[in-house]
Amino acid sequence: MLEQIKKLLLLSTLIVFGLGGTLLTLTNILITLVLPAANSASTFTAFRVAVFIYTLYSVNAVGYYILIGTGAVRLCTTIQFISAGFSLILIAIGGVTAGLVGCVIGNAGYLGTLLMLSLSMEKIGVSYMQWIKWLTPAFSWFLVVVIANLLFVDSPALKVGIFLVQTLVLVKLAWRDKTFFT
């Protein structure tokens, strides 16, 4: 079972960080195509911040399902409600103090749902250090992609390069860990 949990966590994480990195990398193109009237620096910033936050808290998916599957529904629901309430408070404060970008930053309150991953792993006997070790390569690569996107925010050619390199590295990580291929 431990090997299945590891593969599920790796698969989920590679998909989450891959999609998050792709959205960050292609922000300008996507906003221009989908919302041409909203083509502004503040919209790009808000979108990038939202993608970063949503990417991080999407890592909780495996923890959510493990908690539900092990009968810890009340714990799972409590974590979600507290995180959602905290997020709404931060969104309200952010909206008043910093407008759209402040509202988007307020979504960081929902990062509390990452507690579901930690508690679920503990519940099934996977040590903190073990599951952190599993996530470190994909998370580290995601941070490299984030930094590259911050450094080369206005270079379409470099964005395509970042996207291609990011995709190759994630496939390499999946191949190395035999996440998809066994």
N, C-alpha and C. Protein backbone atom coordinates (compact mmCIF):
# COMPACT_ATOMS: atom_id res chain seq x y z
N MET A 1 0.82 -1.20 0.00
CA MET A 1 0.00 0.00 0.00
C MET A 1 0.86 1.26 0.00
N LEU A 2 1.98 1.23 0.73
CA LEU A 2 2.85 2.40 0.80
C LEU A 2 3.33 2.83 -0.59
N GLU A 3 3.67 1.86 -1.42
CA GLU A 3 4.13 2.18 -2.78
C GLU A 3 3.02 2.82 -3.60
N GLN A 4 1.78 2.37 -3.42
CA GLN A 4 0.64 2.97 -4.13
C GLN A 4 0.40 4.41 -3.68
N ILE A 5 0.51 4.65 -2.38
CA ILE A 5 0.34 6.01 -1.85
C ILE A 5 1.43 6.91 -2.41
N LYS A 6 2.66 6.41 -2.43
CA LYS A 6 3.77 7.19 -2.97
C LYS A 6 3.51 7.55 -4.43
N LYS A 7 3.11 6.57 -5.22
CA LYS A 7 2.86 6.82 -6.64
C LYS A 7 1.71 7.81 -6.83
N LEU A 8 0.67 7.66 -6.04
CA LEU A 8 -0.47 8.57 -6.13
C LEU A 8 -0.06 10.00 -5.77
N LEU A 9 0.72 10.13 -4.71
CA LEU A 9 1.18 11.46 -4.30
C LEU A 9 2.10 12.06 -5.36
N LEU A 10 3.01 11.27 -5.90
CA LEU A 10 3.92 11.77 -6.94
C LEU A 10 3.15 12.16 -8.20
N LEU A 11 2.23 11.31 -8.61
CA LEU A 11 1.45 11.61 -9.81
C LEU A 11 0.66 12.90 -9.63
N SER A 12 -0.02 13.00 -8.52
CA SER A 12 -0.81 14.20 -8.23
C SER A 12 0.07 15.44 -8.20
N THR A 13 1.20 15.34 -7.54
CA THR A 13 2.10 16.47 -7.40
C THR A 13 2.71 16.88 -8.73
N LEU A 14 3.11 15.92 -9.53
CA LEU A 14 3.68 16.25 -10.83
C LEU A 14 2.64 16.94 -11.72
N ILE A 15 1.41 16.46 -11.67
CA ILE A 15 0.35 17.09 -12.46
C ILE A 15 0.07 18.50 -11.96
N VAL A 16 -0.07 18.65 -10.65
CA VAL A 16 -0.36 19.95 -10.05
C VAL A 16 0.74 20.96 -10.37
N PHE A 17 1.99 20.58 -10.11
CA PHE A 17 3.09 21.51 -10.35
C PHE A 17 3.31 21.73 -11.84
N GLY A 18 3.06 20.71 -12.64
CA GLY A 18 3.18 20.88 -14.09
C GLY A 18 2.16 21.87 -14.64
N LEU A 19 0.91 21.70 -14.23
CA LEU A 19 -0.13 22.63 -14.69
C LEU A 19 0.09 24.03 -14.12
N GLY A 20 0.46 24.10 -12.84
CA GLY A 20 0.73 25.41 -12.24
C GLY A 20 1.87 26.12 -12.94
N GLY A 21 2.95 25.40 -13.20
CA GLY A 21 4.09 25.99 -13.90
C GLY A 21 3.73 26.42 -15.31
N THR A 22 2.92 25.62 -15.97
CA THR A 22 2.48 25.97 -17.33
C THR A 22 1.64 27.25 -17.31
N LEU A 23 0.69 27.33 -16.39
CA LEU A 23 -0.15 28.54 -16.31
C LEU A 23 0.68 29.77 -15.97
N LEU A 24 1.66 29.61 -15.07
CA LEU A 24 2.54 30.75 -14.76
C LEU A 24 3.34 31.17 -15.99
N THR A 25 3.87 30.19 -16.68
CA THR A 25 4.71 30.47 -17.84
C THR A 25 3.92 31.12 -18.97
N LEU A 26 2.70 30.68 -19.16
CA LEU A 26 1.92 31.17 -20.30
C LEU A 26 0.89 32.24 -19.91
N THR A 27 1.06 32.86 -18.75
CA THR A 27 0.10 33.85 -18.26
C THR A 27 -0.23 34.92 -19.30
N ASN A 28 0.78 35.57 -19.83
CA ASN A 28 0.53 36.67 -20.77
C ASN A 28 -0.26 36.20 -21.99
N ILE A 29 0.10 35.05 -22.51
CA ILE A 29 -0.59 34.52 -23.69
C ILE A 29 -2.04 34.18 -23.34
N LEU A 30 -2.23 33.50 -22.22
CA LEU A 30 -3.58 33.07 -21.83
C LEU A 30 -4.51 34.26 -21.55
N ILE A 31 -4.02 35.23 -20.79
CA ILE A 31 -4.85 36.39 -20.47
C ILE A 31 -5.19 37.15 -21.75
N THR A 32 -4.21 37.32 -22.62
CA THR A 32 -4.43 38.04 -23.87
C THR A 32 -5.47 37.33 -24.75
N LEU A 33 -5.42 36.01 -24.78
CA LEU A 33 -6.37 35.25 -25.59
C LEU A 33 -7.77 35.17 -24.96
N VAL A 34 -7.82 34.90 -23.67
CA VAL A 34 -9.10 34.64 -23.01
C VAL A 34 -9.79 35.92 -22.53
N LEU A 35 -9.01 36.86 -22.03
CA LEU A 35 -9.57 38.11 -21.49
C LEU A 35 -8.85 39.32 -22.08
N PRO A 36 -8.98 39.56 -23.37
CA PRO A 36 -8.21 40.65 -24.00
C PRO A 36 -8.49 42.02 -23.37
N ALA A 37 -9.70 42.24 -22.87
CA ALA A 37 -10.03 43.53 -22.26
C ALA A 37 -9.34 43.70 -20.90
N ALA A 38 -8.91 42.59 -20.29
CA ALA A 38 -8.27 42.65 -18.98
C ALA A 38 -6.76 42.58 -19.09
N ASN A 39 -6.24 42.90 -20.24
CA ASN A 39 -4.82 42.81 -20.53
C ASN A 39 -4.08 43.95 -19.85
N SER A 40 -3.75 43.76 -18.53
CA SER A 40 -3.02 44.79 -17.79
C SER A 40 -2.04 44.13 -16.82
N ALA A 41 -1.10 44.92 -16.37
CA ALA A 41 -0.09 44.40 -15.44
C ALA A 41 -0.72 43.87 -14.16
N SER A 42 -1.75 44.57 -13.65
CA SER A 42 -2.37 44.11 -12.40
C SER A 42 -3.12 42.80 -12.61
N THR A 43 -3.72 42.61 -13.76
CA THR A 43 -4.40 41.34 -14.05
C THR A 43 -3.39 40.21 -14.14
N PHE A 44 -2.28 40.46 -14.82
CA PHE A 44 -1.23 39.44 -14.92
C PHE A 44 -0.71 39.07 -13.53
N THR A 45 -0.47 40.08 -12.70
CA THR A 45 0.03 39.83 -11.35
C THR A 45 -0.98 39.03 -10.54
N ALA A 46 -2.24 39.45 -10.58
CA ALA A 46 -3.29 38.74 -9.83
C ALA A 46 -3.39 37.29 -10.29
N PHE A 47 -3.34 37.07 -11.60
CA PHE A 47 -3.42 35.71 -12.13
C PHE A 47 -2.24 34.87 -11.66
N ARG A 48 -1.05 35.43 -11.74
CA ARG A 48 0.15 34.69 -11.31
C ARG A 48 0.09 34.33 -9.83
N VAL A 49 -0.33 35.27 -9.00
CA VAL A 49 -0.45 35.00 -7.57
C VAL A 49 -1.49 33.92 -7.33
N ALA A 50 -2.63 34.02 -8.01
CA ALA A 50 -3.68 33.00 -7.86
C ALA A 50 -3.17 31.62 -8.27
N VAL A 51 -2.49 31.56 -9.39
CA VAL A 51 -1.96 30.27 -9.85
C VAL A 51 -0.99 29.69 -8.83
N PHE A 52 -0.12 30.52 -8.30
CA PHE A 52 0.86 30.05 -7.30
C PHE A 52 0.14 29.48 -6.08
N ILE A 53 -0.81 30.23 -5.55
CA ILE A 53 -1.54 29.79 -4.35
C ILE A 53 -2.34 28.52 -4.65
N TYR A 54 -3.10 28.51 -5.74
CA TYR A 54 -3.92 27.35 -6.07
C TYR A 54 -3.06 26.12 -6.33
N THR A 55 -1.91 26.32 -6.94
CA THR A 55 -1.01 25.19 -7.17
C THR A 55 -0.57 24.59 -5.85
N LEU A 56 -0.16 25.43 -4.91
CA LEU A 56 0.30 24.91 -3.63
C LEU A 56 -0.80 24.19 -2.87
N TYR A 57 -2.00 24.78 -2.82
CA TYR A 57 -2.99 24.07 -2.01
C TYR A 57 -3.66 22.91 -2.75
N SER A 58 -3.41 22.77 -4.02
CA SER A 58 -3.91 21.59 -4.73
C SER A 58 -3.14 20.33 -4.35
N VAL A 59 -1.99 20.51 -3.75
CA VAL A 59 -1.20 19.36 -3.28
C VAL A 59 -1.98 18.59 -2.20
N ASN A 60 -2.97 19.23 -1.60
CA ASN A 60 -3.73 18.58 -0.52
C ASN A 60 -4.66 17.48 -1.01
N ALA A 61 -4.86 17.31 -2.29
CA ALA A 61 -5.86 16.38 -2.82
C ALA A 61 -5.69 14.95 -2.29
N VAL A 62 -4.49 14.46 -2.30
CA VAL A 62 -4.26 13.09 -1.83
C VAL A 62 -4.61 12.98 -0.35
N GLY A 63 -4.22 13.97 0.42
CA GLY A 63 -4.54 13.97 1.85
C GLY A 63 -6.04 13.99 2.09
N TYR A 64 -6.74 14.77 1.30
CA TYR A 64 -8.20 14.85 1.41
C TYR A 64 -8.82 13.47 1.22
N TYR A 65 -8.44 12.79 0.16
CA TYR A 65 -9.03 11.49 -0.12
C TYR A 65 -8.62 10.42 0.88
N ILE A 66 -7.40 10.51 1.38
CA ILE A 66 -6.98 9.55 2.41
C ILE A 66 -7.79 9.78 3.69
N LEU A 67 -7.96 11.03 4.08
CA LEU A 67 -8.76 11.29 5.28
C LEU A 67 -10.19 10.80 5.11
N ILE A 68 -10.79 11.08 3.96
CA ILE A 68 -12.15 10.60 3.71
C ILE A 68 -12.17 9.07 3.74
N GLY A 69 -11.21 8.45 3.09
CA GLY A 69 -11.16 6.99 3.00
C GLY A 69 -10.88 6.30 4.32
N THR A 70 -10.26 7.00 5.25
CA THR A 70 -9.97 6.41 6.56
C THR A 70 -11.01 6.81 7.61
N GLY A 71 -12.07 7.44 7.16
CA GLY A 71 -13.16 7.77 8.08
C GLY A 71 -12.99 9.07 8.87
N ALA A 72 -12.01 9.86 8.50
CA ALA A 72 -11.76 11.12 9.22
C ALA A 72 -12.49 12.27 8.54
N VAL A 73 -13.76 12.08 8.25
CA VAL A 73 -14.55 13.07 7.52
C VAL A 73 -14.69 14.35 8.34
N ARG A 74 -14.95 14.21 9.64
CA ARG A 74 -15.12 15.38 10.50
C ARG A 74 -13.84 16.22 10.53
N LEU A 75 -12.70 15.56 10.67
CA LEU A 75 -11.41 16.27 10.67
C LEU A 75 -11.19 16.99 9.34
N CYS A 76 -11.45 16.30 8.25
CA CYS A 76 -11.28 16.87 6.91
C CYS A 76 -12.18 18.10 6.73
N THR A 77 -13.44 17.97 7.13
CA THR A 77 -14.39 19.07 7.00
C THR A 77 -14.00 20.26 7.88
N THR A 78 -13.54 19.98 9.08
CA THR A 78 -13.12 21.04 9.99
C THR A 78 -11.96 21.83 9.39
N ILE A 79 -10.98 21.12 8.87
CA ILE A 79 -9.83 21.79 8.25
C ILE A 79 -10.29 22.65 7.09
N GLN A 80 -11.19 22.14 6.27
CA GLN A 80 -11.68 22.91 5.13
C GLN A 80 -12.44 24.16 5.57
N PHE A 81 -13.32 24.03 6.56
CA PHE A 81 -14.10 25.18 7.02
C PHE A 81 -13.21 26.25 7.66
N ILE A 82 -12.27 25.84 8.48
CA ILE A 82 -11.38 26.81 9.12
C ILE A 82 -10.53 27.52 8.07
N SER A 83 -9.98 26.75 7.13
CA SER A 83 -9.15 27.34 6.08
C SER A 83 -9.97 28.27 5.19
N ALA A 84 -11.19 27.86 4.86
CA ALA A 84 -12.06 28.70 4.03
C ALA A 84 -12.43 29.98 4.75
N GLY A 85 -12.78 29.87 6.03
CA GLY A 85 -13.11 31.07 6.81
C GLY A 85 -11.94 32.03 6.91
N PHE A 86 -10.76 31.48 7.18
CA PHE A 86 -9.56 32.32 7.25
C PHE A 86 -9.29 32.98 5.90
N SER A 87 -9.47 32.23 4.83
CA SER A 87 -9.28 32.77 3.49
C SER A 87 -10.25 33.91 3.21
N LEU A 88 -11.51 33.74 3.57
CA LEU A 88 -12.50 34.80 3.35
C LEU A 88 -12.17 36.07 4.12
N ILE A 89 -11.69 35.90 5.33
CA ILE A 89 -11.27 37.07 6.13
C ILE A 89 -10.11 37.78 5.44
N LEU A 90 -9.12 37.00 4.99
CA LEU A 90 -7.96 37.59 4.30
C LEU A 90 -8.36 38.24 2.97
N ILE A 91 -9.31 37.63 2.27
CA ILE A 91 -9.79 38.22 1.01
C ILE A 91 -10.45 39.56 1.28
N ALA A 92 -11.26 39.63 2.31
CA ALA A 92 -11.93 40.90 2.65
C ALA A 92 -10.90 41.97 3.03
N ILE A 93 -9.95 41.60 3.85
CA ILE A 93 -8.91 42.56 4.25
C ILE A 93 -8.07 42.96 3.03
N GLY A 94 -7.70 41.98 2.22
CA GLY A 94 -6.90 42.26 1.03
C GLY A 94 -7.63 43.13 0.04
N GLY A 95 -8.93 42.90 -0.12
CA GLY A 95 -9.72 43.72 -1.04
C GLY A 95 -9.77 45.18 -0.62
N VAL A 96 -9.92 45.40 0.67
CA VAL A 96 -9.99 46.78 1.19
C VAL A 96 -8.64 47.46 1.09
N THR A 97 -7.58 46.73 1.37
CA THR A 97 -6.25 47.35 1.42
C THR A 97 -5.50 47.36 0.10
N ALA A 98 -5.76 46.36 -0.77
CA ALA A 98 -4.94 46.27 -1.99
C ALA A 98 -5.74 45.91 -3.24
N GLY A 99 -7.04 46.01 -3.20
CA GLY A 99 -7.85 45.77 -4.39
C GLY A 99 -7.80 44.33 -4.87
N LEU A 100 -7.83 44.16 -6.18
CA LEU A 100 -7.88 42.83 -6.79
C LEU A 100 -6.72 41.95 -6.35
N VAL A 101 -5.52 42.46 -6.39
CA VAL A 101 -4.36 41.66 -6.00
C VAL A 101 -4.46 41.27 -4.53
N GLY A 102 -4.94 42.16 -3.69
CA GLY A 102 -5.13 41.85 -2.27
C GLY A 102 -6.15 40.74 -2.06
N CYS A 103 -7.23 40.79 -2.83
CA CYS A 103 -8.23 39.72 -2.75
C CYS A 103 -7.62 38.39 -3.14
N VAL A 104 -6.86 38.39 -4.19
CA VAL A 104 -6.24 37.15 -4.66
C VAL A 104 -5.25 36.63 -3.62
N ILE A 105 -4.46 37.51 -3.04
CA ILE A 105 -3.50 37.09 -2.00
C ILE A 105 -4.24 36.50 -0.81
N GLY A 106 -5.43 37.00 -0.53
CA GLY A 106 -6.22 36.47 0.57
C GLY A 106 -6.53 34.99 0.43
N ASN A 107 -6.51 34.48 -0.77
CA ASN A 107 -6.74 33.05 -0.98
C ASN A 107 -5.67 32.19 -0.30
N ALA A 108 -4.57 32.79 0.08
CA ALA A 108 -3.51 32.05 0.77
C ALA A 108 -4.01 31.43 2.07
N GLY A 109 -5.09 31.98 2.62
CA GLY A 109 -5.65 31.40 3.83
C GLY A 109 -6.08 29.95 3.64
N TYR A 110 -6.39 29.58 2.43
CA TYR A 110 -6.83 28.22 2.15
C TYR A 110 -5.66 27.23 2.13
N LEU A 111 -4.44 27.75 2.21
CA LEU A 111 -3.27 26.87 2.28
C LEU A 111 -3.29 26.01 3.55
N GLY A 112 -4.13 26.40 4.51
CA GLY A 112 -4.30 25.58 5.70
C GLY A 112 -4.77 24.17 5.38
N THR A 113 -5.37 23.99 4.21
CA THR A 113 -5.83 22.65 3.82
C THR A 113 -4.67 21.69 3.59
N LEU A 114 -3.46 22.21 3.49
CA LEU A 114 -2.30 21.33 3.38
C LEU A 114 -2.13 20.48 4.63
N LEU A 115 -2.75 20.91 5.71
CA LEU A 115 -2.75 20.12 6.93
C LEU A 115 -3.38 18.74 6.70
N MET A 116 -4.30 18.67 5.75
CA MET A 116 -4.92 17.38 5.43
C MET A 116 -3.88 16.37 4.95
N LEU A 117 -2.93 16.83 4.15
CA LEU A 117 -1.90 15.93 3.66
C LEU A 117 -1.04 15.43 4.82
N SER A 118 -0.61 16.34 5.66
CA SER A 118 0.23 15.97 6.79
C SER A 118 -0.48 14.99 7.73
N LEU A 119 -1.71 15.30 8.08
CA LEU A 119 -2.46 14.44 9.01
C LEU A 119 -2.82 13.10 8.38
N SER A 120 -3.10 13.09 7.09
CA SER A 120 -3.44 11.82 6.44
C SER A 120 -2.23 10.91 6.37
N MET A 121 -1.08 11.47 6.08
CA MET A 121 0.14 10.66 6.02
C MET A 121 0.45 10.09 7.41
N GLU A 122 0.29 10.91 8.42
CA GLU A 122 0.50 10.44 9.80
C GLU A 122 -0.49 9.31 10.12
N LYS A 123 -1.72 9.48 9.69
CA LYS A 123 -2.79 8.51 9.96
C LYS A 123 -2.49 7.14 9.35
N ILE A 124 -1.83 7.11 8.19
CA ILE A 124 -1.53 5.82 7.55
C ILE A 124 -0.09 5.36 7.80
N GLY A 125 0.61 6.08 8.68
CA GLY A 125 1.93 5.63 9.10
C GLY A 125 3.10 6.04 8.22
N VAL A 126 2.93 7.08 7.42
CA VAL A 126 4.04 7.59 6.60
C VAL A 126 4.64 8.77 7.34
N SER A 127 5.92 8.69 7.62
CA SER A 127 6.56 9.75 8.39
C SER A 127 6.61 11.06 7.60
N TYR A 128 6.65 12.14 8.36
CA TYR A 128 6.74 13.47 7.77
C TYR A 128 7.92 13.56 6.82
N MET A 129 9.07 13.09 7.27
CA MET A 129 10.28 13.18 6.44
C MET A 129 10.15 12.36 5.16
N GLN A 130 9.44 11.25 5.23
CA GLN A 130 9.30 10.40 4.05
C GLN A 130 8.49 11.09 2.96
N TRP A 131 7.31 11.59 3.31
CA TRP A 131 6.49 12.19 2.26
C TRP A 131 7.05 13.52 1.80
N ILE A 132 7.74 14.25 2.65
CA ILE A 132 8.43 15.48 2.22
C ILE A 132 9.52 15.11 1.21
N LYS A 133 10.23 14.03 1.49
CA LYS A 133 11.28 13.56 0.56
C LYS A 133 10.67 13.22 -0.80
N TRP A 134 9.49 12.62 -0.81
CA TRP A 134 8.83 12.28 -2.06
C TRP A 134 8.48 13.53 -2.86
N LEU A 135 8.05 14.57 -2.16
CA LEU A 135 7.58 15.79 -2.84
C LEU A 135 8.69 16.76 -3.22
N THR A 136 9.83 16.66 -2.58
CA THR A 136 10.89 17.65 -2.74
C THR A 136 11.33 17.86 -4.19
N PRO A 137 11.58 16.83 -5.00
CA PRO A 137 12.03 17.10 -6.38
C PRO A 137 11.03 17.92 -7.19
N ALA A 138 9.76 17.52 -7.16
CA ALA A 138 8.75 18.25 -7.95
C ALA A 138 8.54 19.66 -7.41
N PHE A 139 8.50 19.80 -6.09
CA PHE A 139 8.31 21.13 -5.49
C PHE A 139 9.51 22.03 -5.80
N SER A 140 10.70 21.48 -5.68
CA SER A 140 11.92 22.27 -5.97
C SER A 140 11.91 22.74 -7.42
N TRP A 141 11.52 21.85 -8.32
CA TRP A 141 11.47 22.23 -9.72
C TRP A 141 10.42 23.31 -9.94
N PHE A 142 9.28 23.19 -9.28
CA PHE A 142 8.24 24.21 -9.40
C PHE A 142 8.79 25.58 -8.96
N LEU A 143 9.55 25.61 -7.88
CA LEU A 143 10.14 26.88 -7.43
C LEU A 143 11.12 27.44 -8.46
N VAL A 144 11.87 26.57 -9.11
CA VAL A 144 12.77 27.03 -10.19
C VAL A 144 11.95 27.67 -11.31
N VAL A 145 10.84 27.04 -11.67
CA VAL A 145 9.97 27.58 -12.73
C VAL A 145 9.39 28.92 -12.29
N VAL A 146 8.97 29.03 -11.05
CA VAL A 146 8.43 30.30 -10.53
C VAL A 146 9.49 31.39 -10.63
N ILE A 147 10.69 31.11 -10.18
CA ILE A 147 11.77 32.11 -10.21
C ILE A 147 12.11 32.48 -11.65
N ALA A 148 12.19 31.49 -12.53
CA ALA A 148 12.49 31.77 -13.95
C ALA A 148 11.41 32.67 -14.54
N ASN A 149 10.16 32.43 -14.17
CA ASN A 149 9.07 33.27 -14.68
C ASN A 149 9.13 34.68 -14.12
N LEU A 150 9.59 34.83 -12.90
CA LEU A 150 9.74 36.17 -12.34
C LEU A 150 10.88 36.93 -13.02
N LEU A 151 11.94 36.22 -13.36
CA LEU A 151 13.09 36.86 -13.99
C LEU A 151 12.85 37.21 -15.45
N PHE A 152 12.08 36.38 -16.14
CA PHE A 152 11.88 36.57 -17.57
C PHE A 152 10.42 36.82 -17.91
N VAL A 153 9.79 37.68 -17.14
CA VAL A 153 8.35 37.89 -17.22
C VAL A 153 7.89 38.39 -18.59
N ASP A 154 8.70 39.15 -19.30
CA ASP A 154 8.25 39.76 -20.55
C ASP A 154 8.94 39.22 -21.80
N SER A 155 9.49 38.03 -21.73
CA SER A 155 10.20 37.48 -22.87
C SER A 155 9.47 36.24 -23.41
N PRO A 156 8.66 36.41 -24.47
CA PRO A 156 7.91 35.27 -25.01
C PRO A 156 8.79 34.10 -25.43
N ALA A 157 9.94 34.38 -26.03
CA ALA A 157 10.82 33.31 -26.48
C ALA A 157 11.34 32.51 -25.28
N LEU A 158 11.73 33.21 -24.22
CA LEU A 158 12.20 32.50 -23.03
C LEU A 158 11.06 31.76 -22.35
N LYS A 159 9.85 32.29 -22.43
CA LYS A 159 8.69 31.61 -21.85
C LYS A 159 8.46 30.26 -22.52
N VAL A 160 8.57 30.21 -23.83
CA VAL A 160 8.42 28.95 -24.55
C VAL A 160 9.53 27.99 -24.12
N GLY A 161 10.74 28.51 -23.99
CA GLY A 161 11.85 27.69 -23.52
C GLY A 161 11.61 27.15 -22.12
N ILE A 162 11.14 28.01 -21.22
CA ILE A 162 10.83 27.58 -19.85
C ILE A 162 9.77 26.48 -19.88
N PHE A 163 8.74 26.68 -20.68
CA PHE A 163 7.68 25.68 -20.78
C PHE A 163 8.22 24.33 -21.25
N LEU A 164 9.04 24.34 -22.29
CA LEU A 164 9.60 23.10 -22.82
C LEU A 164 10.52 22.41 -21.82
N VAL A 165 11.40 23.18 -21.18
CA VAL A 165 12.31 22.61 -20.20
C VAL A 165 11.53 22.07 -19.01
N GLN A 166 10.54 22.84 -18.55
CA GLN A 166 9.72 22.40 -17.43
C GLN A 166 9.05 21.06 -17.73
N THR A 167 8.50 20.94 -18.92
CA THR A 167 7.81 19.71 -19.30
C THR A 167 8.79 18.54 -19.34
N LEU A 168 9.96 18.76 -19.91
CA LEU A 168 10.95 17.69 -19.98
C LEU A 168 11.41 17.25 -18.59
N VAL A 169 11.63 18.20 -17.70
CA VAL A 169 12.08 17.85 -16.35
C VAL A 169 11.00 17.07 -15.61
N LEU A 170 9.74 17.48 -15.73
CA LEU A 170 8.67 16.76 -15.05
C LEU A 170 8.50 15.34 -15.59
N VAL A 171 8.64 15.18 -16.90
CA VAL A 171 8.58 13.83 -17.49
C VAL A 171 9.75 13.00 -16.98
N LYS A 172 10.93 13.62 -16.89
CA LYS A 172 12.11 12.92 -16.37
C LYS A 172 11.89 12.49 -14.92
N LEU A 173 11.31 13.37 -14.10
CA LEU A 173 11.01 13.00 -12.71
C LEU A 173 10.03 11.84 -12.66
N ALA A 174 9.03 11.88 -13.49
CA ALA A 174 8.04 10.80 -13.52
C ALA A 174 8.69 9.50 -13.97
N TRP A 175 9.55 9.59 -14.96
CA TRP A 175 10.23 8.40 -15.47
C TRP A 175 11.18 7.83 -14.41
N ARG A 176 11.93 8.71 -13.77
CA ARG A 176 12.90 8.28 -12.76
C ARG A 176 12.22 7.55 -11.61
N ASP A 177 11.09 8.09 -11.16
CA ASP A 177 10.37 7.47 -10.04
C ASP A 177 9.41 6.39 -10.49
N LYS A 178 9.36 6.13 -11.79
CA LYS A 178 8.46 5.13 -12.35
C LYS A 178 7.01 5.42 -11.95
N THR A 179 6.70 6.72 -11.87
CA THR A 179 5.37 7.13 -11.41
C THR A 179 4.29 6.70 -12.38
N PHE A 180 4.52 6.87 -13.65
CA PHE A 180 3.48 6.56 -14.62
C PHE A 180 3.77 5.28 -15.39
N PHE A 181 4.96 4.80 -15.31
CA PHE A 181 5.42 3.80 -16.27
C PHE A 181 5.59 2.40 -15.72
N THR A 182 4.95 2.09 -14.59
CA THR A 182 5.04 0.72 -14.07
C THR A 182 3.68 0.18 -13.79
